[in-house]
Amino acid sequence: MQDKRVLVTGGAGFIGSNLANRLASDNDVIAVDDGYLGTPENLDDDVEFVEASVVDGEFPVDVDVVFHLAALSSRNMHESDPQRGCRVNVEGFVNTVERARKEGCETVVYASTSSIYGSRTEPSPVDMEVEARTAYEASKLARERYAEYYANHHDMAMAGLRFFSVYQGFGGNEEHKGEYANTIAQFADKIANGESPELFGDGTQTRDFTHVSDVARACELAADHELTGVYNVGTQEAYSFNEMVAMINDALGTDIDPEYIECPFDGYVHDTMADYSQFHEATGWEPEISFEEGVELVCEPYE
């Protein structure tokens, strides 16, 4: 993408700041964020930062492309306040897209979620049946339906990306998320500081861990190809939490055992894995950073 005026909502957050910084060298990038899970310290100097809420705030929408990543991005945030979760994730989405549409924007890429697939050890295709088990999942499915409306009724390019377990580490732009950061970031930080990470159950649960640089590249490609529909962004590989802890120990040269605790959540998703074939067919995208390399990158700042 070159010479475009771009809006990234949630642009000072983890994924948003990585995307904004990636695009800023060749585009005019505006990052909008309310500071809940983001900080302008994540942004390069050539990104314009606007502090505003996607629900209430006035922010620039006279752009060529919207990347809508602003969200309450976890189950726990929603369950503690479902009404707020709905306002931010659904109303904030409609507010952003509607305002941008009226200014002539025709291309939107937005964050959905892989959580709607539930627990699966096989790769999850985008055309399988899904359901909302949590308020968070309901809000992301609502986004997909509103995107369908904007594509059908207003002929906009609306690409929803169902992200799988995105990570970078506290040495990147993830530290501000704290307890909401990916488990790799949290576990690596604990082990590097001589503490035992807490694993739910027996640690055999698996995740499709996807490095944020691959996710940012996927967002850009979805806009470049003016895609409409929903697509998976993941690696089509899965690693258990036990394997992850062992790999972190190897990378850091440590030998710290995890602590196993009872899972405090009902309906906890035990396993995830992406089938990214449709996105690959549409854009040529495939992950470039293996999990082994990704763990090394997460641990590098501690060495």
C-alpha atoms as a PDB file:
ATOM      1  CA  MET A   1       0.000   0.000   0.000  1.00  0.00           C
ATOM      2  CA  GLN A   2       1.376   3.405  -1.002  1.00  0.00           C
ATOM      3  CA  ASP A   3       0.279   7.031  -0.957  1.00  0.00           C
ATOM      4  CA  LYS A   4      -2.989   6.336   0.851  1.00  0.00           C
ATOM      5  CA  ARG A   5      -4.608   8.194   3.701  1.00  0.00           C
ATOM      6  CA  VAL A   6      -5.259   5.530   6.322  1.00  0.00           C
ATOM      7  CA  LEU A   7      -7.158   5.357   9.605  1.00  0.00           C
ATOM      8  CA  VAL A   8      -6.227   2.721  12.185  1.00  0.00           C
ATOM      9  CA  THR A   9      -8.630   2.551  15.123  1.00  0.00           C
ATOM     10  CA  GLY A  10      -7.153   1.027  18.223  1.00  0.00           C
ATOM     11  CA  GLY A  11      -4.049   2.391  16.563  1.00  0.00           C
ATOM     12  CA  ALA A  12      -1.978   2.818  19.730  1.00  0.00           C
ATOM     13  CA  GLY A  13      -2.780  -0.709  20.894  1.00  0.00           C
ATOM     14  CA  PHE A  14      -0.809  -3.869  20.303  1.00  0.00           C
ATOM     15  CA  ILE A  15      -1.839  -4.958  16.808  1.00  0.00           C
ATOM     16  CA  GLY A  16      -2.935  -1.478  15.735  1.00  0.00           C
ATOM     17  CA  SER A  17       0.396   0.186  16.485  1.00  0.00           C
ATOM     18  CA  ASN A  18       2.323  -2.510  14.657  1.00  0.00           C
ATOM     19  CA  LEU A  19       0.095  -1.972  11.628  1.00  0.00           C
ATOM     20  CA  ALA A  20       0.238   1.831  11.837  1.00  0.00           C
ATOM     21  CA  ASN A  21       4.029   1.819  12.095  1.00  0.00           C
ATOM     22  CA  ARG A  22       4.293  -0.622   9.193  1.00  0.00           C
ATOM     23  CA  LEU A  23       2.167   1.569   6.909  1.00  0.00           C
ATOM     24  CA  ALA A  24       3.515   4.979   7.926  1.00  0.00           C
ATOM     25  CA  SER A  25       6.658   4.899   5.795  1.00  0.00           C
ATOM     26  CA  ASP A  26       4.607   4.957   2.567  1.00  0.00           C
ATOM     27  CA  ASN A  27       1.241   6.349   3.658  1.00  0.00           C
ATOM     28  CA  ASP A  28      -0.422   9.105   5.669  1.00  0.00           C
ATOM     29  CA  VAL A  29      -1.487   7.217   8.800  1.00  0.00           C
ATOM     30  CA  ILE A  30      -3.841   8.378  11.568  1.00  0.00           C
ATOM     31  CA  ALA A  31      -3.982   6.260  14.720  1.00  0.00           C
ATOM     32  CA  VAL A  32      -7.093   6.739  16.875  1.00  0.00           C
ATOM     33  CA  ASP A  33      -7.109   5.296  20.386  1.00  0.00           C
ATOM     34  CA  ASP A  34      -8.786   6.049  23.723  1.00  0.00           C
ATOM     35  CA  GLY A  35      -5.811   4.818  25.743  1.00  0.00           C
ATOM     36  CA  TYR A  36      -7.592   1.898  27.419  1.00  0.00           C
ATOM     37  CA  LEU A  37      -5.298  -0.796  25.992  1.00  0.00           C
ATOM     38  CA  GLY A  38      -2.951   1.393  23.998  1.00  0.00           C
ATOM     39  CA  THR A  39      -0.333   4.067  24.479  1.00  0.00           C
ATOM     40  CA  PRO A  40       1.038   6.590  21.978  1.00  0.00           C
ATOM     41  CA  GLU A  41       4.505   5.450  23.065  1.00  0.00           C
ATOM     42  CA  ASN A  42       3.910   2.434  20.814  1.00  0.00           C
ATOM     43  CA  LEU A  43       3.793   4.678  17.744  1.00  0.00           C
ATOM     44  CA  ASP A  44       6.558   5.950  15.494  1.00  0.00           C
ATOM     45  CA  ASP A  45       6.942   9.698  15.061  1.00  0.00           C
ATOM     46  CA  ASP A  46       5.510   9.676  11.538  1.00  0.00           C
ATOM     47  CA  VAL A  47       2.126   8.363  12.721  1.00  0.00           C
ATOM     48  CA  GLU A  48      -0.469  11.016  13.609  1.00  0.00           C
ATOM     49  CA  PHE A  49      -2.042  10.151  16.957  1.00  0.00           C
ATOM     50  CA  VAL A  50      -5.577  11.219  17.889  1.00  0.00           C
ATOM     51  CA  GLU A  51      -6.898  10.402  21.359  1.00  0.00           C
ATOM     52  CA  ALA A  52     -10.586   9.603  20.934  1.00  0.00           C
ATOM     53  CA  SER A  53     -13.150   6.866  21.467  1.00  0.00           C
ATOM     54  CA  VAL A  54     -14.673   5.137  18.451  1.00  0.00           C
ATOM     55  CA  VAL A  55     -18.041   5.445  20.207  1.00  0.00           C
ATOM     56  CA  ASP A  56     -18.081   9.027  21.409  1.00  0.00           C
ATOM     57  CA  GLY A  57     -15.152  10.885  19.941  1.00  0.00           C
ATOM     58  CA  GLU A  58     -14.838  12.959  16.832  1.00  0.00           C
ATOM     59  CA  PHE A  59     -11.865  11.764  14.815  1.00  0.00           C
ATOM     60  CA  PRO A  60     -10.728  12.061  11.182  1.00  0.00           C
ATOM     61  CA  VAL A  61     -12.516   9.733   8.765  1.00  0.00           C
ATOM     62  CA  ASP A  62     -11.686  11.397   5.430  1.00  0.00           C
ATOM     63  CA  VAL A  63      -9.498   8.447   4.452  1.00  0.00           C
ATOM     64  CA  ASP A  64      -8.999   5.898   1.691  1.00  0.00           C
ATOM     65  CA  VAL A  65      -8.856   2.862   3.988  1.00  0.00           C
ATOM     66  CA  VAL A  66     -10.086   2.098   7.512  1.00  0.00           C
ATOM     67  CA  PHE A  67      -8.436  -0.586   9.609  1.00  0.00           C
ATOM     68  CA  HIS A  68     -10.855  -1.059  12.495  1.00  0.00           C
ATOM     69  CA  LEU A  69      -9.001  -2.790  15.316  1.00  0.00           C
ATOM     70  CA  ALA A  70     -10.468  -0.894  18.283  1.00  0.00           C
ATOM     71  CA  ALA A  71     -12.202  -3.309  20.636  1.00  0.00           C
ATOM     72  CA  LEU A  72     -12.550  -4.672  24.088  1.00  0.00           C
ATOM     73  CA  SER A  73     -10.422  -7.588  23.064  1.00  0.00           C
ATOM     74  CA  SER A  74     -11.059 -10.349  25.560  1.00  0.00           C
ATOM     75  CA  ARG A  75     -13.811 -12.403  27.094  1.00  0.00           C
ATOM     76  CA  ASN A  76     -13.127 -11.109  30.606  1.00  0.00           C
ATOM     77  CA  MET A  77     -13.504  -7.448  29.650  1.00  0.00           C
ATOM     78  CA  HIS A  78     -16.938  -8.192  28.202  1.00  0.00           C
ATOM     79  CA  GLU A  79     -18.274 -10.418  30.946  1.00  0.00           C
ATOM     80  CA  SER A  80     -17.533  -7.744  33.549  1.00  0.00           C
ATOM     81  CA  ASP A  81     -19.532  -5.146  31.563  1.00  0.00           C
ATOM     82  CA  PRO A  82     -21.459  -6.577  28.576  1.00  0.00           C
ATOM     83  CA  GLN A  83     -23.171  -3.265  27.790  1.00  0.00           C
ATOM     84  CA  ARG A  84     -19.859  -1.455  27.471  1.00  0.00           C
ATOM     85  CA  GLY A  85     -18.480  -4.301  25.384  1.00  0.00           C
ATOM     86  CA  CYS A  86     -21.406  -4.000  22.999  1.00  0.00           C
ATOM     87  CA  ARG A  87     -21.035  -0.237  22.729  1.00  0.00           C
ATOM     88  CA  VAL A  88     -17.335  -0.390  21.932  1.00  0.00           C
ATOM     89  CA  ASN A  89     -17.277  -3.478  19.725  1.00  0.00           C
ATOM     90  CA  VAL A  90     -20.564  -3.055  17.853  1.00  0.00           C
ATOM     91  CA  GLU A  91     -21.653   0.566  18.110  1.00  0.00           C
ATOM     92  CA  GLY A  92     -18.041   1.722  17.750  1.00  0.00           C
ATOM     93  CA  PHE A  93     -17.701  -0.363  14.590  1.00  0.00           C
ATOM     94  CA  VAL A  94     -20.888   1.032  13.027  1.00  0.00           C
ATOM     95  CA  ASN A  95     -20.009   4.588  14.040  1.00  0.00           C
ATOM     96  CA  THR A  96     -16.569   4.364  12.440  1.00  0.00           C
ATOM     97  CA  VAL A  97     -17.664   2.665   9.233  1.00  0.00           C
ATOM     98  CA  GLU A  98     -20.738   4.868   8.752  1.00  0.00           C
ATOM     99  CA  ARG A  99     -18.800   8.104   9.237  1.00  0.00           C
ATOM    100  CA  ALA A 100     -16.017   6.948   6.916  1.00  0.00           C
ATOM    101  CA  ARG A 101     -18.529   5.807   4.285  1.00  0.00           C
ATOM    102  CA  LYS A 102     -20.133   9.233   4.225  1.00  0.00           C
ATOM    103  CA  GLU A 103     -16.686  10.708   3.542  1.00  0.00           C
ATOM    104  CA  GLY A 104     -16.216   8.418   0.548  1.00  0.00           C
ATOM    105  CA  CYS A 105     -14.188   5.557   2.044  1.00  0.00           C
ATOM    106  CA  GLU A 106     -14.956   2.254   0.355  1.00  0.00           C
ATOM    107  CA  THR A 107     -12.420  -0.133   1.927  1.00  0.00           C
ATOM    108  CA  VAL A 108     -12.541  -1.449   5.491  1.00  0.00           C
ATOM    109  CA  VAL A 109     -10.515  -4.188   7.151  1.00  0.00           C
ATOM    110  CA  TYR A 110     -11.682  -5.114  10.640  1.00  0.00           C
ATOM    111  CA  ALA A 111     -10.784  -7.484  13.454  1.00  0.00           C
ATOM    112  CA  SER A 112     -13.053 -10.436  14.129  1.00  0.00           C
ATOM    113  CA  THR A 113     -12.049 -13.419  16.251  1.00  0.00           C
ATOM    114  CA  SER A 114     -11.208 -17.106  16.029  1.00  0.00           C
ATOM    115  CA  SER A 115     -12.891 -17.696  19.411  1.00  0.00           C
ATOM    116  CA  ILE A 116     -16.193 -18.353  17.653  1.00  0.00           C
ATOM    117  CA  TYR A 117     -14.881 -21.726  16.424  1.00  0.00           C
ATOM    118  CA  GLY A 118     -14.806 -23.113  19.947  1.00  0.00           C
ATOM    119  CA  SER A 119     -12.341 -25.869  20.828  1.00  0.00           C
ATOM    120  CA  ARG A 120     -10.921 -27.778  17.840  1.00  0.00           C
ATOM    121  CA  THR A 121      -7.737 -29.754  17.285  1.00  0.00           C
ATOM    122  CA  GLU A 122      -8.335 -29.773  13.518  1.00  0.00           C
ATOM    123  CA  PRO A 123      -7.862 -26.635  11.383  1.00  0.00           C
ATOM    124  CA  SER A 124     -10.985 -24.467  11.473  1.00  0.00           C
ATOM    125  CA  PRO A 125     -12.252 -23.380   8.033  1.00  0.00           C
ATOM    126  CA  VAL A 126     -14.081 -20.064   7.712  1.00  0.00           C
ATOM    127  CA  ASP A 127     -17.213 -21.735   6.334  1.00  0.00           C
ATOM    128  CA  MET A 128     -17.822 -24.004   9.332  1.00  0.00           C
ATOM    129  CA  GLU A 129     -20.757 -23.328  11.639  1.00  0.00           C
ATOM    130  CA  VAL A 130     -19.962 -20.953  14.481  1.00  0.00           C
ATOM    131  CA  GLU A 131     -21.806 -19.697  17.542  1.00  0.00           C
ATOM    132  CA  ALA A 132     -21.481 -17.117  20.269  1.00  0.00           C
ATOM    133  CA  ARG A 133     -20.715 -18.597  23.683  1.00  0.00           C
ATOM    134  CA  THR A 134     -19.561 -15.326  25.254  1.00  0.00           C
ATOM    135  CA  ALA A 135     -20.499 -11.654  24.953  1.00  0.00           C
ATOM    136  CA  TYR A 136     -17.119 -11.049  23.293  1.00  0.00           C
ATOM    137  CA  GLU A 137     -17.871 -13.586  20.572  1.00  0.00           C
ATOM    138  CA  ALA A 138     -21.377 -12.177  20.105  1.00  0.00           C
ATOM    139  CA  SER A 139     -19.943  -8.708  19.546  1.00  0.00           C
ATOM    140  CA  LYS A 140     -17.504  -9.927  16.904  1.00  0.00           C
ATOM    141  CA  LEU A 141     -20.201 -11.902  15.083  1.00  0.00           C
ATOM    142  CA  ALA A 142     -22.348  -8.756  15.136  1.00  0.00           C
ATOM    143  CA  ARG A 143     -19.485  -6.931  13.409  1.00  0.00           C
ATOM    144  CA  GLU A 144     -19.430  -9.577  10.703  1.00  0.00           C
ATOM    145  CA  ARG A 145     -23.166  -9.142  10.087  1.00  0.00           C
ATOM    146  CA  TYR A 146     -22.921  -5.353   9.946  1.00  0.00           C
ATOM    147  CA  ALA A 147     -19.989  -5.727   7.546  1.00  0.00           C
ATOM    148  CA  GLU A 148     -22.189  -7.948   5.388  1.00  0.00           C
ATOM    149  CA  TYR A 149     -24.787  -5.178   5.358  1.00  0.00           C
ATOM    150  CA  TYR A 150     -22.245  -2.534   4.307  1.00  0.00           C
ATOM    151  CA  ALA A 151     -20.901  -4.804   1.567  1.00  0.00           C
ATOM    152  CA  ASN A 152     -24.341  -5.660   0.200  1.00  0.00           C
ATOM    153  CA  HIS A 153     -26.165  -2.372   0.683  1.00  0.00           C
ATOM    154  CA  HIS A 154     -23.354   0.116   0.116  1.00  0.00           C
ATOM    155  CA  ASP A 155     -21.026  -1.948  -2.108  1.00  0.00           C
ATOM    156  CA  MET A 156     -18.060  -1.477   0.213  1.00  0.00           C
ATOM    157  CA  ALA A 157     -15.060  -3.805   0.454  1.00  0.00           C
ATOM    158  CA  MET A 158     -15.424  -5.227   3.976  1.00  0.00           C
ATOM    159  CA  ALA A 159     -12.790  -7.765   5.051  1.00  0.00           C
ATOM    160  CA  GLY A 160     -13.117  -9.400   8.467  1.00  0.00           C
ATOM    161  CA  LEU A 161      -9.990 -11.125   9.740  1.00  0.00           C
ATOM    162  CA  ARG A 162     -10.421 -13.816  12.368  1.00  0.00           C
ATOM    163  CA  PHE A 163      -7.116 -13.572  14.212  1.00  0.00           C
ATOM    164  CA  PHE A 164      -5.622 -16.539  16.035  1.00  0.00           C
ATOM    165  CA  SER A 165      -3.543 -16.016  19.222  1.00  0.00           C
ATOM    166  CA  VAL A 166      -1.490 -12.961  18.207  1.00  0.00           C
ATOM    167  CA  TYR A 167       1.746 -12.262  20.074  1.00  0.00           C
ATOM    168  CA  GLN A 168       4.934 -10.182  20.077  1.00  0.00           C
ATOM    169  CA  GLY A 169       6.195  -9.965  23.644  1.00  0.00           C
ATOM    170  CA  PHE A 170       6.757  -7.215  26.175  1.00  0.00           C
ATOM    171  CA  GLY A 171       9.872  -6.160  24.292  1.00  0.00           C
ATOM    172  CA  GLY A 172       7.537  -5.099  21.477  1.00  0.00           C
ATOM    173  CA  ASN A 173       4.236  -3.218  21.773  1.00  0.00           C
ATOM    174  CA  GLU A 174       2.403  -5.756  23.933  1.00  0.00           C
ATOM    175  CA  GLU A 175       3.546  -4.739  27.427  1.00  0.00           C
ATOM    176  CA  HIS A 176       0.815  -2.129  27.849  1.00  0.00           C
ATOM    177  CA  LYS A 177      -1.833  -4.894  27.704  1.00  0.00           C
ATOM    178  CA  GLY A 178      -0.498  -6.410  30.932  1.00  0.00           C
ATOM    179  CA  GLU A 179      -2.779  -9.231  32.107  1.00  0.00           C
ATOM    180  CA  TYR A 180      -4.545  -9.177  28.728  1.00  0.00           C
ATOM    181  CA  ALA A 181      -1.343  -9.785  26.768  1.00  0.00           C
ATOM    182  CA  ASN A 182      -0.776 -13.097  25.012  1.00  0.00           C
ATOM    183  CA  THR A 183       0.316 -15.955  27.250  1.00  0.00           C
ATOM    184  CA  ILE A 184       3.720 -16.128  25.519  1.00  0.00           C
ATOM    185  CA  ALA A 185       4.478 -12.550  26.512  1.00  0.00           C
ATOM    186  CA  GLN A 186       3.286 -13.080  30.074  1.00  0.00           C
ATOM    187  CA  PHE A 187       5.033 -16.443  30.559  1.00  0.00           C
ATOM    188  CA  ALA A 188       8.335 -15.256  29.071  1.00  0.00           C
ATOM    189  CA  ASP A 189       8.338 -12.229  31.353  1.00  0.00           C
ATOM    190  CA  LYS A 190       7.670 -14.351  34.424  1.00  0.00           C
ATOM    191  CA  ILE A 191      10.294 -16.973  33.581  1.00  0.00           C
ATOM    192  CA  ALA A 192      12.880 -14.316  32.745  1.00  0.00           C
ATOM    193  CA  ASN A 193      12.258 -12.863  36.200  1.00  0.00           C
ATOM    194  CA  GLY A 194      12.550 -16.218  37.945  1.00  0.00           C
ATOM    195  CA  GLU A 195       8.820 -16.772  38.492  1.00  0.00           C
ATOM    196  CA  SER A 196       6.702 -19.785  37.602  1.00  0.00           C
ATOM    197  CA  PRO A 197       3.953 -19.173  35.051  1.00  0.00           C
ATOM    198  CA  GLU A 198       0.478 -20.429  35.944  1.00  0.00           C
ATOM    199  CA  LEU A 199      -1.041 -22.886  33.472  1.00  0.00           C
ATOM    200  CA  PHE A 200      -4.683 -23.916  33.539  1.00  0.00           C
ATOM    201  CA  GLY A 201      -5.283 -27.642  33.991  1.00  0.00           C
ATOM    202  CA  ASP A 202      -2.404 -29.840  32.868  1.00  0.00           C
ATOM    203  CA  GLY A 203      -0.965 -27.452  30.270  1.00  0.00           C
ATOM    204  CA  THR A 204      -1.961 -29.593  27.274  1.00  0.00           C
ATOM    205  CA  GLN A 205      -4.242 -26.929  25.799  1.00  0.00           C
ATOM    206  CA  THR A 206      -3.039 -25.714  22.403  1.00  0.00           C
ATOM    207  CA  ARG A 207      -3.072 -22.454  20.484  1.00  0.00           C
ATOM    208  CA  ASP A 208      -2.287 -21.361  16.955  1.00  0.00           C
ATOM    209  CA  PHE A 209       0.262 -18.679  17.859  1.00  0.00           C
ATOM    210  CA  THR A 210       0.608 -16.010  15.146  1.00  0.00           C
ATOM    211  CA  HIS A 211       3.301 -13.329  15.217  1.00  0.00           C
ATOM    212  CA  VAL A 212       1.998  -9.772  15.010  1.00  0.00           C
ATOM    213  CA  SER A 213       4.205  -8.911  12.027  1.00  0.00           C
ATOM    214  CA  ASP A 214       2.431 -11.595   9.998  1.00  0.00           C
ATOM    215  CA  VAL A 215      -0.919 -10.222  11.168  1.00  0.00           C
ATOM    216  CA  ALA A 216      -0.035  -6.640  10.209  1.00  0.00           C
ATOM    217  CA  ARG A 217       1.031  -7.844   6.767  1.00  0.00           C
ATOM    218  CA  ALA A 218      -2.265  -9.725   6.447  1.00  0.00           C
ATOM    219  CA  CYS A 219      -4.232  -6.558   7.220  1.00  0.00           C
ATOM    220  CA  GLU A 220      -2.371  -4.631   4.535  1.00  0.00           C
ATOM    221  CA  LEU A 221      -2.898  -7.376   1.950  1.00  0.00           C
ATOM    222  CA  ALA A 222      -6.629  -7.554   2.696  1.00  0.00           C
ATOM    223  CA  ALA A 223      -6.895  -3.819   1.952  1.00  0.00           C
ATOM    224  CA  ASP A 224      -4.684  -4.002  -1.134  1.00  0.00           C
ATOM    225  CA  HIS A 225      -6.920  -6.725  -2.586  1.00  0.00           C
ATOM    226  CA  GLU A 226     -10.115  -4.943  -1.500  1.00  0.00           C
ATOM    227  CA  LEU A 227     -11.455  -8.170  -0.051  1.00  0.00           C
ATOM    228  CA  THR A 228     -14.973  -8.759   1.184  1.00  0.00           C
ATOM    229  CA  GLY A 229     -15.940 -11.597   3.491  1.00  0.00           C
ATOM    230  CA  VAL A 230     -14.261 -13.264   6.474  1.00  0.00           C
ATOM    231  CA  TYR A 231     -10.842 -14.874   6.490  1.00  0.00           C
ATOM    232  CA  ASN A 232      -8.655 -16.718   8.979  1.00  0.00           C
ATOM    233  CA  VAL A 233      -5.222 -15.363   9.869  1.00  0.00           C
ATOM    234  CA  GLY A 234      -3.189 -18.047  11.627  1.00  0.00           C
ATOM    235  CA  THR A 235      -0.361 -20.504  11.024  1.00  0.00           C
ATOM    236  CA  GLN A 236      -2.259 -23.806  10.756  1.00  0.00           C
ATOM    237  CA  GLU A 237       0.030 -25.172  13.472  1.00  0.00           C
ATOM    238  CA  ALA A 238      -0.657 -25.533  17.192  1.00  0.00           C
ATOM    239  CA  TYR A 239       1.556 -25.813  20.262  1.00  0.00           C
ATOM    240  CA  SER A 240       0.630 -26.738  23.808  1.00  0.00           C
ATOM    241  CA  PHE A 241       1.317 -24.448  26.737  1.00  0.00           C
ATOM    242  CA  ASN A 242       3.715 -27.076  28.095  1.00  0.00           C
ATOM    243  CA  GLU A 243       5.652 -26.992  24.827  1.00  0.00           C
ATOM    244  CA  MET A 244       5.644 -23.198  24.913  1.00  0.00           C
ATOM    245  CA  VAL A 245       7.094 -23.070  28.425  1.00  0.00           C
ATOM    246  CA  ALA A 246       9.815 -25.563  27.469  1.00  0.00           C
ATOM    247  CA  MET A 247      10.721 -23.475  24.427  1.00  0.00           C
ATOM    248  CA  ILE A 248      10.897 -20.300  26.519  1.00  0.00           C
ATOM    249  CA  ASN A 249      13.187 -22.047  29.000  1.00  0.00           C
ATOM    250  CA  ASP A 250      15.404 -23.191  26.131  1.00  0.00           C
ATOM    251  CA  ALA A 251      15.557 -19.698  24.664  1.00  0.00           C
ATOM    252  CA  LEU A 252      16.371 -18.066  28.020  1.00  0.00           C
ATOM    253  CA  GLY A 253      18.669 -20.795  29.305  1.00  0.00           C
ATOM    254  CA  THR A 254      16.439 -21.213  32.357  1.00  0.00           C
ATOM    255  CA  ASP A 255      14.820 -24.215  34.008  1.00  0.00           C
ATOM    256  CA  ILE A 256      11.628 -22.985  35.653  1.00  0.00           C
ATOM    257  CA  ASP A 257       8.655 -25.301  36.001  1.00  0.00           C
ATOM    258  CA  PRO A 258       5.123 -23.979  35.570  1.00  0.00           C
ATOM    259  CA  GLU A 259       2.495 -24.064  38.289  1.00  0.00           C
ATOM    260  CA  TYR A 260      -0.697 -25.866  37.326  1.00  0.00           C
ATOM    261  CA  ILE A 261      -3.965 -24.386  38.573  1.00  0.00           C
ATOM    262  CA  GLU A 262      -7.649 -25.090  38.084  1.00  0.00           C
ATOM    263  CA  CYS A 263      -9.169 -23.210  35.162  1.00  0.00           C
ATOM    264  CA  PRO A 264     -11.437 -20.466  36.576  1.00  0.00           C
ATOM    265  CA  PHE A 265     -13.520 -20.055  33.403  1.00  0.00           C
ATOM    266  CA  ASP A 266     -16.576 -21.952  32.182  1.00  0.00           C
ATOM    267  CA  GLY A 267     -16.398 -22.889  28.508  1.00  0.00           C
ATOM    268  CA  TYR A 268     -12.642 -22.378  28.305  1.00  0.00           C
ATOM    269  CA  VAL A 269     -11.418 -23.071  24.767  1.00  0.00           C
ATOM    270  CA  HIS A 270      -8.878 -25.880  24.978  1.00  0.00           C
ATOM    271  CA  ASP A 271      -7.556 -25.978  21.406  1.00  0.00           C
ATOM    272  CA  THR A 272      -7.385 -23.713  18.360  1.00  0.00           C
ATOM    273  CA  MET A 273      -5.890 -24.002  14.903  1.00  0.00           C
ATOM    274  CA  ALA A 274      -6.490 -21.984  11.728  1.00  0.00           C
ATOM    275  CA  ASP A 275      -7.227 -23.075   8.211  1.00  0.00           C
ATOM    276  CA  TYR A 276      -5.895 -20.041   6.335  1.00  0.00           C
ATOM    277  CA  SER A 277      -6.290 -21.512   2.838  1.00  0.00           C
ATOM    278  CA  GLN A 278      -8.979 -19.068   1.667  1.00  0.00           C
ATOM    279  CA  PHE A 279      -6.901 -16.052   2.665  1.00  0.00           C
ATOM    280  CA  HIS A 280      -3.858 -17.572   0.969  1.00  0.00           C
ATOM    281  CA  GLU A 281      -5.857 -18.126  -2.217  1.00  0.00           C
ATOM    282  CA  ALA A 282      -7.124 -14.546  -2.161  1.00  0.00           C
ATOM    283  CA  THR A 283      -3.843 -12.773  -1.380  1.00  0.00           C
ATOM    284  CA  GLY A 284      -0.929 -15.209  -1.431  1.00  0.00           C
ATOM    285  CA  TRP A 285      -0.387 -14.589   2.294  1.00  0.00           C
ATOM    286  CA  GLU A 286       1.245 -17.197   4.440  1.00  0.00           C
ATOM    287  CA  PRO A 287       2.996 -16.885   7.814  1.00  0.00           C
ATOM    288  CA  GLU A 288       6.675 -16.028   7.638  1.00  0.00           C
ATOM    289  CA  ILE A 289       7.672 -16.337  11.308  1.00  0.00           C
ATOM    290  CA  SER A 290       7.664 -19.854  12.734  1.00  0.00           C
ATOM    291  CA  PHE A 291       6.728 -20.320  16.364  1.00  0.00           C
ATOM    292  CA  GLU A 292      10.293 -21.356  17.184  1.00  0.00           C
ATOM    293  CA  GLU A 293      11.598 -18.090  15.725  1.00  0.00           C
ATOM    294  CA  GLY A 294       8.782 -16.170  17.381  1.00  0.00           C
ATOM    295  CA  VAL A 295       9.663 -17.477  20.841  1.00  0.00           C
ATOM    296  CA  GLU A 296      13.284 -16.440  20.258  1.00  0.00           C
ATOM    297  CA  LEU A 297      12.091 -12.938  19.322  1.00  0.00           C
ATOM    298  CA  VAL A 298       9.940 -12.705  22.449  1.00  0.00           C
ATOM    299  CA  CYS A 299      12.837 -13.794  24.663  1.00  0.00           C
ATOM    300  CA  GLU A 300      15.568 -11.785  22.935  1.00  0.00           C
ATOM    301  CA  PRO A 301      15.176  -8.600  25.048  1.00  0.00           C
ATOM    302  CA  TYR A 302      15.753 -10.618  28.243  1.00  0.00           C
ATOM    303  CA  GLU A 303      19.007 -12.228  27.118  1.00  0.00           C
END
